[in-house]
PDB file of N, CA and C in Angstrom:
ATOM      1  N   UNK A   1      72.516  27.165  55.936  1.00  0.00           N
ATOM      2  CA  UNK A   1      72.598  26.460  57.512  1.00  0.00           C
ATOM      3  C   UNK A   1      73.347  26.658  58.409  1.00  0.00           C
ATOM      4  N   UNK A   2      73.880  27.924  58.234  1.00  0.00           N
ATOM      5  CA  UNK A   2      74.461  28.333  59.071  1.00  0.00           C
ATOM      6  C   UNK A   2      74.066  28.430  60.740  1.00  0.00           C
ATOM      7  N   UNK A   3      72.339  28.407  60.699  1.00  0.00           N
ATOM      8  CA  UNK A   3      72.201  28.470  61.847  1.00  0.00           C
ATOM      9  C   UNK A   3      71.963  26.757  62.267  1.00  0.00           C
ATOM     10  N   UNK A   4      72.304  26.453  63.648  1.00  0.00           N
ATOM     11  CA  UNK A   4      72.207  25.281  64.119  1.00  0.00           C
ATOM     12  C   UNK A   4      70.455  24.420  64.536  1.00  0.00           C
ATOM     13  N   UNK A   5      69.570  25.976  65.113  1.00  0.00           N
ATOM     14  CA  UNK A   5      68.412  25.594  65.394  1.00  0.00           C
ATOM     15  C   UNK A   5      66.978  25.619  64.370  1.00  0.00           C
ATOM     16  N   UNK A   6      67.927  25.900  63.045  1.00  0.00           N
ATOM     17  CA  UNK A   6      66.424  25.453  61.854  1.00  0.00           C
ATOM     18  C   UNK A   6      67.746  25.654  60.698  1.00  0.00           C
ATOM     19  N   UNK A   7      68.146  23.781  61.200  1.00  0.00           N
ATOM     20  CA  UNK A   7      69.098  23.757  59.852  1.00  0.00           C
ATOM     21  C   UNK A   7      68.140  23.336  58.128  1.00  0.00           C
ATOM     22  N   UNK A   8      66.521  23.014  58.246  1.00  0.00           N
ATOM     23  CA  UNK A   8      66.171  23.008  57.191  1.00  0.00           C
ATOM     24  C   UNK A   8      66.016  23.759  56.594  1.00  0.00           C
ATOM     25  N   UNK A   9      66.105  24.852  57.422  1.00  0.00           N
ATOM     26  CA  UNK A   9      65.456  27.058  56.857  1.00  0.00           C
ATOM     27  C   UNK A   9      64.790  26.419  55.374  1.00  0.00           C
ATOM     28  N   UNK A  10      66.960  26.387  54.841  1.00  0.00           N
ATOM     29  CA  UNK A  10      67.358  26.747  53.500  1.00  0.00           C
ATOM     30  C   UNK A  10      66.695  25.793  53.283  1.00  0.00           C
ATOM     31  N   UNK A  11      66.943  24.522  52.802  1.00  0.00           N
ATOM     32  CA  UNK A  11      66.151  23.587  52.173  1.00  0.00           C
ATOM     33  C   UNK A  11      64.515  24.001  51.329  1.00  0.00           C
ATOM     34  N   UNK A  12      63.886  24.115  52.590  1.00  0.00           N
ATOM     35  CA  UNK A  12      62.968  24.337  52.757  1.00  0.00           C
ATOM     36  C   UNK A  12      62.544  24.911  51.566  1.00  0.00           C
ATOM     37  N   UNK A  13      62.981  25.967  51.670  1.00  0.00           N
ATOM     38  CA  UNK A  13      62.979  26.817  50.613  1.00  0.00           C
ATOM     39  C   UNK A  13      63.714  26.623  49.777  1.00  0.00           C
ATOM     40  N   UNK A  14      64.555  26.060  49.453  1.00  0.00           N
ATOM     41  CA  UNK A  14      64.959  25.381  47.891  1.00  0.00           C
ATOM     42  C   UNK A  14      64.029  24.113  47.149  1.00  0.00           C
ATOM     43  N   UNK A  15      62.909  24.280  48.322  1.00  0.00           N
ATOM     44  CA  UNK A  15      62.173  23.019  48.014  1.00  0.00           C
ATOM     45  C   UNK A  15      60.977  23.470  46.765  1.00  0.00           C
ATOM     46  N   UNK A  16      60.292  24.706  47.397  1.00  0.00           N
ATOM     47  CA  UNK A  16      59.354  25.678  47.370  1.00  0.00           C
ATOM     48  C   UNK A  16      59.654  26.155  45.569  1.00  0.00           C
ATOM     49  N   UNK A  17      60.792  26.279  45.491  1.00  0.00           N
ATOM     50  CA  UNK A  17      61.045  27.738  44.945  1.00  0.00           C
ATOM     51  C   UNK A  17      61.371  26.266  43.737  1.00  0.00           C
ATOM     52  N   UNK A  18      61.912  24.954  44.120  1.00  0.00           N
ATOM     53  CA  UNK A  18      61.686  23.977  43.149  1.00  0.00           C
ATOM     54  C   UNK A  18      60.081  23.668  42.325  1.00  0.00           C
ATOM     55  N   UNK A  19      59.944  23.486  43.274  1.00  0.00           N
ATOM     56  CA  UNK A  19      58.569  23.005  43.053  1.00  0.00           C
ATOM     57  C   UNK A  19      57.414  24.356  42.242  1.00  0.00           C
ATOM     58  N   UNK A  20      57.583  25.256  42.655  1.00  0.00           N
ATOM     59  CA  UNK A  20      57.337  26.440  41.423  1.00  0.00           C
ATOM     60  C   UNK A  20      57.818  26.403  40.025  1.00  0.00           C
ATOM     61  N   UNK A  21      59.178  26.006  40.639  1.00  0.00           N
ATOM     62  CA  UNK A  21      59.396  26.563  38.806  1.00  0.00           C
ATOM     63  C   UNK A  21      58.896  24.546  37.643  1.00  0.00           C
ATOM     64  N   UNK A  22      58.959  23.715  38.164  1.00  0.00           N
ATOM     65  CA  UNK A  22      58.420  22.948  38.379  1.00  0.00           C
ATOM     66  C   UNK A  22      56.980  22.997  37.550  1.00  0.00           C
ATOM     67  N   UNK A  23      55.925  23.286  38.833  1.00  0.00           N
ATOM     68  CA  UNK A  23      54.900  23.916  38.120  1.00  0.00           C
ATOM     69  C   UNK A  23      54.694  25.008  37.031  1.00  0.00           C
ATOM     70  N   UNK A  24      55.073  25.876  36.645  1.00  0.00           N
ATOM     71  CA  UNK A  24      55.454  26.678  35.578  1.00  0.00           C
ATOM     72  C   UNK A  24      55.668  25.826  34.442  1.00  0.00           C
ATOM     73  N   UNK A  25      57.075  25.359  34.697  1.00  0.00           N
ATOM     74  CA  UNK A  25      57.603  24.577  33.417  1.00  0.00           C
ATOM     75  C   UNK A  25      56.651  23.073  32.878  1.00  0.00           C
ATOM     76  N   UNK A  26      55.290  22.965  33.815  1.00  0.00           N
ATOM     77  CA  UNK A  26      54.502  22.003  32.905  1.00  0.00           C
ATOM     78  C   UNK A  26      53.683  22.642  32.682  1.00  0.00           C
ATOM     79  N   UNK A  27      53.089  23.888  32.920  1.00  0.00           N
ATOM     80  CA  UNK A  27      51.812  24.224  32.538  1.00  0.00           C
ATOM     81  C   UNK A  27      52.529  25.707  30.988  1.00  0.00           C
ATOM     82  N   UNK A  28      53.612  25.298  30.677  1.00  0.00           N
ATOM     83  CA  UNK A  28      54.255  25.377  29.634  1.00  0.00           C
ATOM     84  C   UNK A  28      54.180  24.843  28.788  1.00  0.00           C
ATOM     85  N   UNK A  29      55.013  23.066  28.999  1.00  0.00           N
ATOM     86  CA  UNK A  29      54.715  21.972  28.432  1.00  0.00           C
ATOM     87  C   UNK A  29      52.813  22.017  28.174  1.00  0.00           C
ATOM     88  N   UNK A  30      52.383  21.870  28.997  1.00  0.00           N
ATOM     89  CA  UNK A  30      50.729  21.765  28.504  1.00  0.00           C
ATOM     90  C   UNK A  30      50.284  22.658  27.095  1.00  0.00           C
ATOM     91  N   UNK A  31      50.406  23.914  27.553  1.00  0.00           N
ATOM     92  CA  UNK A  31      50.435  25.524  26.461  1.00  0.00           C
ATOM     93  C   UNK A  31      50.709  24.753  25.192  1.00  0.00           C
ATOM     94  N   UNK A  32      52.225  23.989  24.887  1.00  0.00           N
ATOM     95  CA  UNK A  32      52.614  24.209  24.371  1.00  0.00           C
ATOM     96  C   UNK A  32      51.785  23.093  23.466  1.00  0.00           C
ATOM     97  N   UNK A  33      51.843  21.856  24.305  1.00  0.00           N
ATOM     98  CA  UNK A  33      51.006  20.951  23.551  1.00  0.00           C
ATOM     99  C   UNK A  33      50.010  20.630  23.006  1.00  0.00           C
ATOM    100  N   UNK A  34      49.002  21.984  23.948  1.00  0.00           N
ATOM    101  CA  UNK A  34      47.470  22.003  23.148  1.00  0.00           C
ATOM    102  C   UNK A  34      47.535  23.338  22.246  1.00  0.00           C
ATOM    103  N   UNK A  35      49.216  23.740  21.300  1.00  0.00           N
ATOM    104  CA  UNK A  35      48.730  24.499  20.869  1.00  0.00           C
ATOM    105  C   UNK A  35      49.075  26.195  20.991  1.00  0.00           C
ATOM    106  N   UNK A  36      48.383  26.269  22.157  1.00  0.00           N
ATOM    107  CA  UNK A  36      48.763  27.882  22.839  1.00  0.00           C
ATOM    108  C   UNK A  36      50.211  28.458  22.574  1.00  0.00           C
ATOM    109  N   UNK A  37      50.777  29.392  21.999  1.00  0.00           N
ATOM    110  CA  UNK A  37      51.972  29.914  22.218  1.00  0.00           C
ATOM    111  C   UNK A  37      52.986  30.751  23.564  1.00  0.00           C
ATOM    112  N   UNK A  38      51.556  31.626  24.190  1.00  0.00           N
ATOM    113  CA  UNK A  38      52.186  32.813  24.380  1.00  0.00           C
ATOM    114  C   UNK A  38      52.320  31.587  26.370  1.00  0.00           C
ATOM    115  N   UNK A  39      53.328  32.086  26.737  1.00  0.00           N
ATOM    116  CA  UNK A  39      53.806  31.339  28.097  1.00  0.00           C
ATOM    117  C   UNK A  39      52.611  31.807  29.750  1.00  0.00           C
ATOM    118  N   UNK A  40      52.004  31.065  30.546  1.00  0.00           N
ATOM    119  CA  UNK A  40      51.590  31.042  31.085  1.00  0.00           C
ATOM    120  C   UNK A  40      51.039  32.906  31.983  1.00  0.00           C
ATOM    121  N   UNK A  41      50.310  33.038  32.592  1.00  0.00           N
ATOM    122  CA  UNK A  41      50.078  34.335  32.951  1.00  0.00           C
ATOM    123  C   UNK A  41      50.092  35.898  31.738  1.00  0.00           C
ATOM    124  N   UNK A  42      51.116  35.313  30.563  1.00  0.00           N
ATOM    125  CA  UNK A  42      51.144  36.121  28.862  1.00  0.00           C
ATOM    126  C   UNK A  42      49.633  36.536  28.750  1.00  0.00           C
ATOM    127  N   UNK A  43      49.017  37.425  28.714  1.00  0.00           N
ATOM    128  CA  UNK A  43      47.697  37.586  27.720  1.00  0.00           C
ATOM    129  C   UNK A  43      47.859  37.682  27.249  1.00  0.00           C
TER     130      UNK A  43
END
């Protein structure tokens, strides 16, 4: 947030990262409930 012209840049980046992390967590939980033990993206 050091650039006064772009004060929300870091917040946008963090929000995107948190959304991706939540999506991954939801996929893992769904797979565990479904009975699959391998994490998403792992064959």
